């Protein structure tokens, strides 16, 4: 599968273009390897957020794929400064929501509380992204840099969690169907309801 095709699939699944996708698809680093954006605590938080989105069931979850560390690398190396700032501010906003709603940090919440919080954030993000999409395209292009057309921070977290997980070895080989050398193209491959999607 081509990188650009995968980015299109992520956009279709999450309802918005993959943030930072243009730089990643081109293989370009947009930031210098200066000060790291994320510490060990941030990576643990990213791991737990990703695990709440993609929990371990009969198949591995996000923590099995070490999603937190890879998400940090992707934001550091592939997002521009504005996208990085939005992502980092989003993590702070998520923690603020936890404190306001539960008087605890995300890492101290129960699994049910984490799911409830992220479900509400996902609804908020969908509503915001729908509002952005419904804007007149010429109006949006004239307001470049306007904070009102930035995606909701949870969109960035959810997209990156899904992308990193399904492009990891664990996600591709243990959750999706994977054949290292897939062979010929078959446009009419038989499919039964419940079959795993293909990684290759």
Protein backbone atom coordinates (compact mmCIF):
# COMPACT_ATOMS: atom_id res chain seq x y z
CA UNK A 1 0.00 0.00 0.00
CA UNK A 2 1.27 3.48 -0.86
CA UNK A 3 1.75 5.97 1.97
CA UNK A 4 -0.61 8.43 0.30
CA UNK A 5 -3.32 5.75 0.06
CA UNK A 6 -2.96 5.05 3.78
CA UNK A 7 -3.30 8.75 4.56
CA UNK A 8 -6.51 8.85 2.50
CA UNK A 9 -7.86 5.86 4.47
CA UNK A 10 -7.07 7.59 7.77
CA UNK A 11 -8.80 10.74 6.56
CA UNK A 12 -11.87 8.70 5.58
CA UNK A 13 -11.92 6.94 8.97
CA UNK A 14 -11.53 10.08 11.05
CA UNK A 15 -13.33 12.59 8.84
CA UNK A 16 -10.50 15.06 8.25
CA UNK A 17 -7.27 15.20 6.27
CA UNK A 18 -4.35 13.63 8.17
CA UNK A 19 -2.55 16.45 9.94
CA UNK A 20 1.13 16.54 8.99
CA UNK A 21 0.48 13.98 6.27
CA UNK A 22 1.96 16.01 3.43
CA UNK A 23 5.36 16.24 5.10
CA UNK A 24 5.30 12.61 6.19
CA UNK A 25 4.20 11.33 2.78
CA UNK A 26 7.06 13.21 1.16
CA UNK A 27 9.52 11.84 3.73
CA UNK A 28 10.56 15.35 4.75
CA UNK A 29 11.60 16.38 8.24
CA UNK A 30 10.09 19.77 8.97
CA UNK A 31 11.66 20.37 12.36
CA UNK A 32 15.20 20.35 13.59
CA UNK A 33 16.32 17.73 16.05
CA UNK A 34 16.61 20.33 18.78
CA UNK A 35 14.91 20.12 22.17
CA UNK A 36 12.59 17.12 22.48
CA UNK A 37 8.92 18.07 22.71
CA UNK A 38 7.95 15.13 24.90
CA UNK A 39 9.29 13.66 28.11
CA UNK A 40 8.79 10.16 29.53
CA UNK A 41 5.55 11.25 31.26
CA UNK A 42 4.14 12.60 28.00
CA UNK A 43 4.97 9.35 26.19
CA UNK A 44 3.23 7.37 28.95
CA UNK A 45 0.18 9.64 28.56
CA UNK A 46 0.20 9.16 24.76
CA UNK A 47 0.42 5.38 25.28
CA UNK A 48 -2.62 5.39 27.57
CA UNK A 49 -4.65 7.63 25.24
CA UNK A 50 -3.83 5.39 22.28
CA UNK A 51 -4.63 2.28 24.34
CA UNK A 52 -8.04 3.74 25.22
CA UNK A 53 -8.71 4.33 21.52
CA UNK A 54 -7.28 0.94 20.44
CA UNK A 55 -7.49 -1.35 23.50
CA UNK A 56 -6.10 -4.84 23.75
CA UNK A 57 -8.84 -7.42 23.12
CA UNK A 58 -8.23 -10.79 21.50
CA UNK A 59 -5.73 -8.83 19.39
CA UNK A 60 -2.91 -6.55 20.62
CA UNK A 61 -3.61 -2.97 21.67
CA UNK A 62 -1.76 0.31 21.17
CA UNK A 63 0.58 -0.22 24.13
CA UNK A 64 1.69 -3.53 22.62
CA UNK A 65 2.90 -1.53 19.61
CA UNK A 66 4.57 1.15 21.80
CA UNK A 67 2.44 3.78 20.08
CA UNK A 68 3.26 6.57 22.54
CA UNK A 69 6.96 6.70 21.69
CA UNK A 70 6.31 6.55 17.94
CA UNK A 71 3.61 9.24 18.17
CA UNK A 72 6.14 11.51 19.89
CA UNK A 73 8.66 10.91 17.09
CA UNK A 74 6.05 11.62 14.40
CA UNK A 75 4.99 14.92 16.01
CA UNK A 76 8.63 15.95 16.60
CA UNK A 77 9.87 15.06 13.12
CA UNK A 78 6.88 15.41 10.78
CA UNK A 79 4.64 18.19 12.12
CA UNK A 80 5.41 21.85 11.52
CA UNK A 81 5.74 24.24 14.48
CA UNK A 82 2.06 25.25 14.37
CA UNK A 83 0.84 21.63 14.31
CA UNK A 84 3.25 20.73 17.12
CA UNK A 85 1.95 23.61 19.24
CA UNK A 86 -1.66 22.51 18.59
CA UNK A 87 -0.81 18.91 19.56
CA UNK A 88 1.05 19.87 22.77
CA UNK A 89 -1.71 22.34 23.74
CA UNK A 90 -4.22 19.53 23.09
CA UNK A 91 -2.52 17.25 25.60
CA UNK A 92 -2.67 20.06 28.17
CA UNK A 93 -6.36 20.66 27.34
CA UNK A 94 -7.11 16.94 27.74
CA UNK A 95 -5.47 16.94 31.17
CA UNK A 96 -7.41 20.11 32.10
CA UNK A 97 -10.67 18.36 31.09
CA UNK A 98 -9.75 15.43 33.35
CA UNK A 99 -9.05 17.71 36.30
CA UNK A 100 -12.28 19.63 35.74
CA UNK A 101 -14.46 16.56 35.31
CA UNK A 102 -12.80 13.99 37.60
CA UNK A 103 -10.33 16.02 39.77
CA UNK A 104 -7.58 13.62 38.61
CA UNK A 105 -5.04 13.26 35.76
CA UNK A 106 -5.84 11.02 32.80
CA UNK A 107 -3.40 8.35 34.04
CA UNK A 108 -5.34 8.12 37.33
CA UNK A 109 -8.74 7.59 35.69
CA UNK A 110 -10.45 4.21 35.49
CA UNK A 111 -10.84 2.57 32.09
CA UNK A 112 -14.55 3.51 32.03
CA UNK A 113 -13.77 7.17 32.86
CA UNK A 114 -11.09 7.32 30.17
CA UNK A 115 -13.48 5.89 27.60
CA UNK A 116 -16.26 8.31 28.59
CA UNK A 117 -13.90 11.30 28.38
CA UNK A 118 -12.47 10.34 24.98
CA UNK A 119 -15.93 9.53 23.63
CA UNK A 120 -17.09 13.04 24.54
CA UNK A 121 -13.94 14.58 23.02
CA UNK A 122 -14.53 12.57 19.85
CA UNK A 123 -18.08 13.98 19.61
CA UNK A 124 -16.72 17.51 20.15
CA UNK A 125 -14.05 16.94 17.50
CA UNK A 126 -16.59 15.58 14.98
CA UNK A 127 -18.84 18.61 15.50
CA UNK A 128 -15.92 21.03 15.08
CA UNK A 129 -14.59 19.25 11.99
CA UNK A 130 -18.08 19.21 10.44
CA UNK A 131 -18.32 22.97 11.04
CA UNK A 132 -14.92 23.49 9.38
CA UNK A 133 -15.91 21.29 6.43
CA UNK A 134 -19.19 23.17 5.94
CA UNK A 135 -17.38 26.51 5.63
CA UNK A 136 -17.12 28.00 2.15
CA UNK A 137 -13.71 26.89 0.76
CA UNK A 138 -12.85 30.39 -0.50
CA UNK A 139 -13.70 31.81 2.89
CA UNK A 140 -11.40 29.26 4.57
CA UNK A 141 -8.50 29.96 2.19
CA UNK A 142 -8.79 33.71 2.88
CA UNK A 143 -8.49 33.10 6.61
CA UNK A 144 -5.23 31.12 6.57
CA UNK A 145 -3.76 30.98 10.05
CA UNK A 146 -7.14 31.62 11.65
CA UNK A 147 -7.47 29.45 14.78
CA UNK A 148 -11.16 28.90 14.02
CA UNK A 149 -10.28 26.60 11.11
CA UNK A 150 -7.75 24.47 12.99
CA UNK A 151 -8.87 20.90 13.66
CA UNK A 152 -9.89 19.88 17.16
CA UNK A 153 -6.87 18.55 19.06
CA UNK A 154 -8.55 15.18 19.63
CA UNK A 155 -8.61 14.68 15.85
CA UNK A 156 -4.81 14.85 15.87
CA UNK A 157 -4.56 12.38 18.76
CA UNK A 158 -7.02 9.91 17.24
CA UNK A 159 -5.54 10.05 13.73
CA UNK A 160 -2.01 9.63 14.97
CA UNK A 161 -2.97 6.74 17.27
CA UNK A 162 -4.67 4.88 14.41
CA UNK A 163 -1.93 5.65 11.91
CA UNK A 164 0.96 4.65 14.19
CA UNK A 165 -0.77 1.47 15.36
CA UNK A 166 -1.70 0.11 11.95
CA UNK A 167 1.70 0.93 10.44
CA UNK A 168 3.53 -0.78 13.33
CA UNK A 169 4.73 -4.36 13.06
CA UNK A 170 2.23 -5.45 15.71
CA UNK A 171 -0.73 -3.72 14.05
CA UNK A 172 0.15 -4.82 10.53
CA UNK A 173 1.03 -8.44 11.25
CA UNK A 174 -1.13 -9.37 14.26
CA UNK A 175 -4.28 -7.29 13.73
CA UNK A 176 -4.41 -6.96 9.94
CA UNK A 177 -3.69 -9.70 7.41
CA UNK A 178 -0.09 -9.45 6.28
CA UNK A 179 1.85 -11.24 3.56
CA UNK A 180 5.45 -10.05 3.22
CA UNK A 181 5.49 -10.68 -0.53
CA UNK A 182 1.84 -10.45 -1.57
CA UNK A 183 2.35 -11.52 -5.19
CA UNK A 184 -0.08 -10.68 -7.98
CA UNK A 185 -2.88 -8.15 -7.76
CA UNK A 186 -6.35 -9.65 -7.40
CA UNK A 187 -9.12 -7.04 -7.71
CA UNK A 188 -11.87 -9.55 -6.88
CA UNK A 189 -10.44 -11.22 -3.77
CA UNK A 190 -13.19 -13.12 -1.93
CA UNK A 191 -14.25 -11.49 1.34
CA UNK A 192 -16.40 -12.86 4.12
CA UNK A 193 -17.97 -10.57 6.72
CA UNK A 194 -15.63 -10.43 9.70
CA UNK A 195 -12.43 -11.07 7.72
CA UNK A 196 -9.46 -8.93 8.78
CA UNK A 197 -8.45 -6.05 6.50
CA UNK A 198 -5.19 -6.42 4.57
CA UNK A 199 -2.00 -4.62 5.62
CA UNK A 200 -0.33 -5.49 2.30
